[in-house]
Amino acid sequence: MNATDFIIVAIDGGAASGKSSTSRALSERFALMHVDTGSFYRAVTAEMLRRGVAPADLDGVRAALAALQFGTRVTGRRAEMEINGRVAGEEIRSREVNATVSLYSAIPEVRAALLGYQRGQVGVARASGFRGLVMEGRDIGSAIFPDADFRFFLFADPEERARRRVAQGQQDTIHERDRIDSSRKTAPLICPAGAVAIDSTSLTLDEVVEFLAAPIAARLAAR
């Protein structure tokens, strides 16, 4: 596989916009490595909470970051973050992590610490034999891979997103997370210029997946 055969698909959006389910489906359809950067920030948040470091304690956050070593474990098509050799478990979906992940994610030092790691997933995907990767998050098309082959931004009405969260059995402060993520100074949640925006409010998952899959399939067929 040469450099031009490898594709990067960037999918951004707020909580419950459909990006995770869509990313997983595209990963399976096109044999791409799936990278959920939200789980990275959740893993770091869980680690900070485990160490008793509050998001307002910037000196403590910096010291903790200096002690963390990031690695990647590929399970199936999924890239999982290792912190000091350990993959975080279900604790990254806890109520405490849900409530604070946006606070830690807004810290510039945290985003800087993860920037190179996220971009390094290309090398992990290549080494693992994937034809490309689909990376989901809140700043993929704007900050991590602004030159990605495909950049999509998913959004939906707040009421629909809240309904989806309840259906998933999760409790999330969606409005507050959106406010923090959209207003942070470093890599805010935005629809990147030139990205394809999709309103998933009234669409089924299959409809969203098919819409995104069409141009990817055409590109791969041309290669």
Protein backbone atom coordinates (compact mmCIF):
# COMPACT_ATOMS: atom_id res chain seq x y z
CA MET A 1 0.00 0.00 0.00
CA ASN A 2 1.49 3.34 -0.99
CA ALA A 3 0.79 6.72 0.59
CA THR A 4 -1.91 7.71 -1.87
CA ASP A 5 -3.94 4.55 -1.14
CA PHE A 6 -4.47 5.46 2.52
CA ILE A 7 -7.59 7.52 3.33
CA ILE A 8 -8.56 9.57 6.36
CA VAL A 9 -12.22 10.17 7.19
CA ALA A 10 -12.87 12.88 9.80
CA ILE A 11 -16.27 12.98 11.53
CA ASP A 12 -17.06 15.74 14.01
CA GLY A 13 -20.15 16.61 16.00
CA GLY A 14 -21.58 17.07 19.45
CA ALA A 15 -22.79 14.37 21.83
CA ALA A 16 -25.50 12.08 20.42
CA SER A 17 -25.22 13.54 16.93
CA GLY A 18 -24.70 10.04 15.54
CA LYS A 19 -20.97 10.24 14.88
CA SER A 20 -19.96 7.16 16.87
CA SER A 21 -22.48 4.78 15.35
CA THR A 22 -21.75 6.18 11.89
CA SER A 23 -17.99 5.92 12.35
CA ARG A 24 -18.21 2.31 13.50
CA ALA A 25 -20.39 1.42 10.52
CA LEU A 26 -17.99 3.05 8.05
CA SER A 27 -15.08 1.31 9.74
CA GLU A 28 -16.69 -2.07 9.17
CA ARG A 29 -17.82 -1.35 5.62
CA PHE A 30 -14.48 -0.07 4.31
CA ALA A 31 -12.02 -1.92 6.59
CA LEU A 32 -10.85 1.29 8.24
CA MET A 33 -9.43 1.58 11.74
CA HIS A 34 -11.96 3.29 14.01
CA VAL A 35 -10.56 6.00 16.27
CA ASP A 36 -12.89 7.50 18.88
CA THR A 37 -10.97 10.51 20.19
CA GLY A 38 -13.72 11.19 22.70
CA SER A 39 -12.68 7.98 24.46
CA PHE A 40 -9.11 9.35 24.63
CA TYR A 41 -10.25 12.46 26.47
CA ARG A 42 -12.49 10.34 28.66
CA ALA A 43 -9.56 8.06 29.51
CA VAL A 44 -7.41 11.06 30.47
CA THR A 45 -10.29 12.48 32.51
CA ALA A 46 -10.74 9.18 34.35
CA GLU A 47 -7.01 9.13 35.07
CA MET A 48 -7.07 12.68 36.41
CA LEU A 49 -10.01 11.83 38.65
CA ARG A 50 -8.25 8.67 39.84
CA ARG A 51 -5.24 10.79 40.79
CA GLY A 52 -7.45 13.34 42.53
CA VAL A 53 -6.46 16.18 40.18
CA ALA A 54 -9.26 18.72 39.66
CA PRO A 55 -9.58 20.50 36.28
CA ALA A 56 -9.05 23.86 38.03
CA ASP A 57 -5.69 22.65 39.38
CA LEU A 58 -3.61 23.48 36.32
CA ASP A 59 -0.28 22.79 38.00
CA GLY A 60 -1.59 19.41 39.08
CA VAL A 61 -2.88 18.67 35.57
CA ARG A 62 0.49 19.56 34.05
CA ALA A 63 2.34 17.37 36.54
CA ALA A 64 -0.02 14.46 35.91
CA LEU A 65 0.31 14.78 32.14
CA ALA A 66 4.09 14.64 32.44
CA ALA A 67 3.75 11.26 34.17
CA LEU A 68 1.48 9.73 31.52
CA GLN A 69 2.69 7.60 28.63
CA PHE A 70 0.22 7.02 25.82
CA GLY A 71 0.09 3.91 23.68
CA THR A 72 -2.46 2.26 21.40
CA ARG A 73 -3.94 -1.22 21.51
CA VAL A 74 -5.86 -2.28 18.41
CA THR A 75 -8.80 -4.55 19.17
CA GLY A 76 -10.54 -5.69 16.02
CA ARG A 77 -10.90 -2.45 14.08
CA ARG A 78 -10.92 -0.25 17.18
CA ALA A 79 -7.99 1.80 18.47
CA GLU A 80 -7.93 1.88 22.28
CA MET A 81 -5.77 4.25 24.30
CA GLU A 82 -3.30 2.81 26.77
CA ILE A 83 -2.20 5.04 29.63
CA ASN A 84 0.96 3.74 31.26
CA GLY A 85 0.24 0.34 29.73
CA ARG A 86 -3.38 0.14 30.87
CA VAL A 87 -6.56 0.42 28.80
CA ALA A 88 -9.33 2.20 30.69
CA GLY A 89 -12.56 0.25 31.13
CA GLU A 90 -16.16 1.21 31.65
CA GLU A 91 -15.16 3.95 34.08
CA ILE A 92 -14.75 6.30 31.13
CA ARG A 93 -18.56 6.24 30.74
CA SER A 94 -19.28 7.01 34.39
CA ARG A 95 -21.45 9.92 35.49
CA GLU A 96 -18.42 11.67 37.00
CA VAL A 97 -16.47 11.45 33.76
CA ASN A 98 -19.50 12.60 31.76
CA ALA A 99 -19.79 15.64 34.01
CA THR A 100 -16.15 16.70 33.81
CA VAL A 101 -14.69 15.50 30.50
CA SER A 102 -15.41 18.81 28.75
CA LEU A 103 -13.67 20.70 31.56
CA TYR A 104 -10.46 18.71 31.19
CA SER A 105 -10.76 18.75 27.39
CA ALA A 106 -10.85 22.55 27.42
CA ILE A 107 -7.41 22.76 29.05
CA PRO A 108 -4.87 23.71 26.34
CA GLU A 109 -2.16 21.51 27.87
CA VAL A 110 -4.43 18.47 27.69
CA ARG A 111 -5.25 19.11 24.04
CA ALA A 112 -1.57 19.72 23.25
CA ALA A 113 -0.61 16.46 24.95
CA LEU A 114 -3.08 14.52 22.80
CA LEU A 115 -2.52 16.32 19.48
CA GLY A 116 0.50 14.33 18.36
CA TYR A 117 -0.93 11.11 19.77
CA GLN A 118 -4.11 11.48 17.72
CA ARG A 119 -2.21 12.26 14.54
CA GLY A 120 0.01 9.28 15.28
CA GLN A 121 -2.95 6.95 14.82
CA VAL A 122 -2.22 7.10 11.09
CA GLY A 123 1.02 5.24 11.73
CA VAL A 124 -0.78 2.74 13.97
CA ALA A 125 -3.38 2.09 11.27
CA ARG A 126 -0.73 1.62 8.58
CA ALA A 127 1.32 -0.71 10.76
CA SER A 128 -1.82 -2.74 11.49
CA GLY A 129 -2.59 -3.18 7.80
CA PHE A 130 -5.63 -0.91 7.49
CA ARG A 131 -6.41 0.93 4.25
CA GLY A 132 -7.22 4.05 6.21
CA LEU A 133 -8.90 5.31 9.35
CA VAL A 134 -12.13 6.97 10.36
CA MET A 135 -11.59 9.33 13.28
CA GLU A 136 -14.43 10.88 15.23
CA GLY A 137 -14.38 13.75 17.66
CA ARG A 138 -14.96 17.47 18.00
CA ASP A 139 -11.93 18.96 16.26
CA ILE A 140 -10.80 16.30 13.79
CA GLY A 141 -11.57 18.14 10.57
CA SER A 142 -10.58 21.53 11.99
CA ALA A 143 -7.43 20.81 14.03
CA ILE A 144 -6.26 17.19 13.88
CA PHE A 145 -6.63 16.44 10.17
CA PRO A 146 -7.73 19.62 8.36
CA ASP A 147 -6.52 18.03 5.10
CA ALA A 148 -8.40 14.75 5.59
CA ASP A 149 -9.73 13.08 2.45
CA PHE A 150 -13.27 13.42 3.83
CA ARG A 151 -14.55 15.79 6.48
CA PHE A 152 -18.07 15.46 7.82
CA PHE A 153 -19.93 17.32 10.57
CA LEU A 154 -23.03 15.73 12.12
CA PHE A 155 -25.60 17.66 14.12
CA ALA A 156 -29.16 17.20 15.36
CA ASP A 157 -31.82 19.05 17.33
CA PRO A 158 -31.06 19.17 21.08
CA GLU A 159 -34.33 17.42 21.92
CA GLU A 160 -33.52 14.53 19.59
CA ARG A 161 -30.02 14.22 20.96
CA ALA A 162 -31.34 14.13 24.54
CA ARG A 163 -33.83 11.42 23.52
CA ARG A 164 -31.01 9.36 22.02
CA ARG A 165 -28.96 9.66 25.18
CA VAL A 166 -31.87 8.40 27.28
CA ALA A 167 -32.40 5.51 24.84
CA GLN A 168 -28.72 4.64 25.25
CA GLY A 169 -29.16 4.52 29.02
CA GLN A 170 -26.78 7.43 29.54
CA GLN A 171 -27.15 10.63 31.49
CA ASP A 172 -25.40 13.53 29.84
CA THR A 173 -25.44 17.29 30.27
CA ILE A 174 -25.50 17.77 26.51
CA HIS A 175 -26.27 21.49 26.52
CA GLU A 176 -23.50 22.29 29.00
CA ARG A 177 -20.97 20.10 27.20
CA ASP A 178 -21.81 21.82 23.92
CA ARG A 179 -21.36 25.23 25.54
CA ILE A 180 -17.95 24.36 26.95
CA ASP A 181 -16.75 22.54 23.82
CA SER A 182 -17.90 25.31 21.49
CA SER A 183 -16.51 28.17 23.55
CA ARG A 184 -13.10 26.82 24.52
CA LYS A 185 -10.15 28.79 23.14
CA THR A 186 -8.21 25.78 21.87
CA ALA A 187 -9.74 23.76 19.01
CA PRO A 188 -13.42 24.52 19.72
CA LEU A 189 -16.27 22.40 18.41
CA ILE A 190 -17.13 23.93 15.04
CA CYS A 191 -18.19 22.82 11.61
CA PRO A 192 -14.90 23.19 9.69
CA ALA A 193 -14.93 25.31 6.56
CA GLY A 194 -15.39 23.02 3.58
CA ALA A 195 -16.75 20.09 5.61
CA VAL A 196 -20.00 18.40 4.63
CA ALA A 197 -22.65 19.11 7.30
CA ILE A 198 -25.41 16.56 7.85
CA ASP A 199 -28.52 17.13 9.98
CA SER A 200 -29.25 13.69 11.43
CA THR A 201 -32.35 14.75 13.38
CA SER A 202 -34.88 12.97 11.17
CA LEU A 203 -32.56 10.49 9.47
CA THR A 204 -32.05 6.86 10.38
CA LEU A 205 -28.56 5.59 11.07
CA ASP A 206 -28.62 3.68 7.80
CA GLU A 207 -29.51 6.83 5.89
CA VAL A 208 -26.65 8.77 7.45
CA VAL A 209 -24.20 5.95 6.80
CA GLU A 210 -25.24 5.61 3.16
CA PHE A 211 -24.89 9.37 2.61
CA LEU A 212 -21.35 9.38 3.95
CA ALA A 213 -20.38 6.06 2.40
CA ALA A 214 -21.19 7.06 -1.20
CA PRO A 215 -18.23 9.43 -1.80
CA ILE A 216 -15.86 7.15 0.12
CA ALA A 217 -16.84 4.17 -2.00
CA ALA A 218 -16.35 6.23 -5.16
CA ARG A 219 -12.87 7.29 -4.08
CA LEU A 220 -11.81 3.78 -3.19
CA ALA A 221 -13.20 2.39 -6.44
CA ALA A 222 -11.22 4.95 -8.41
CA ARG A 223 -8.02 3.81 -6.71
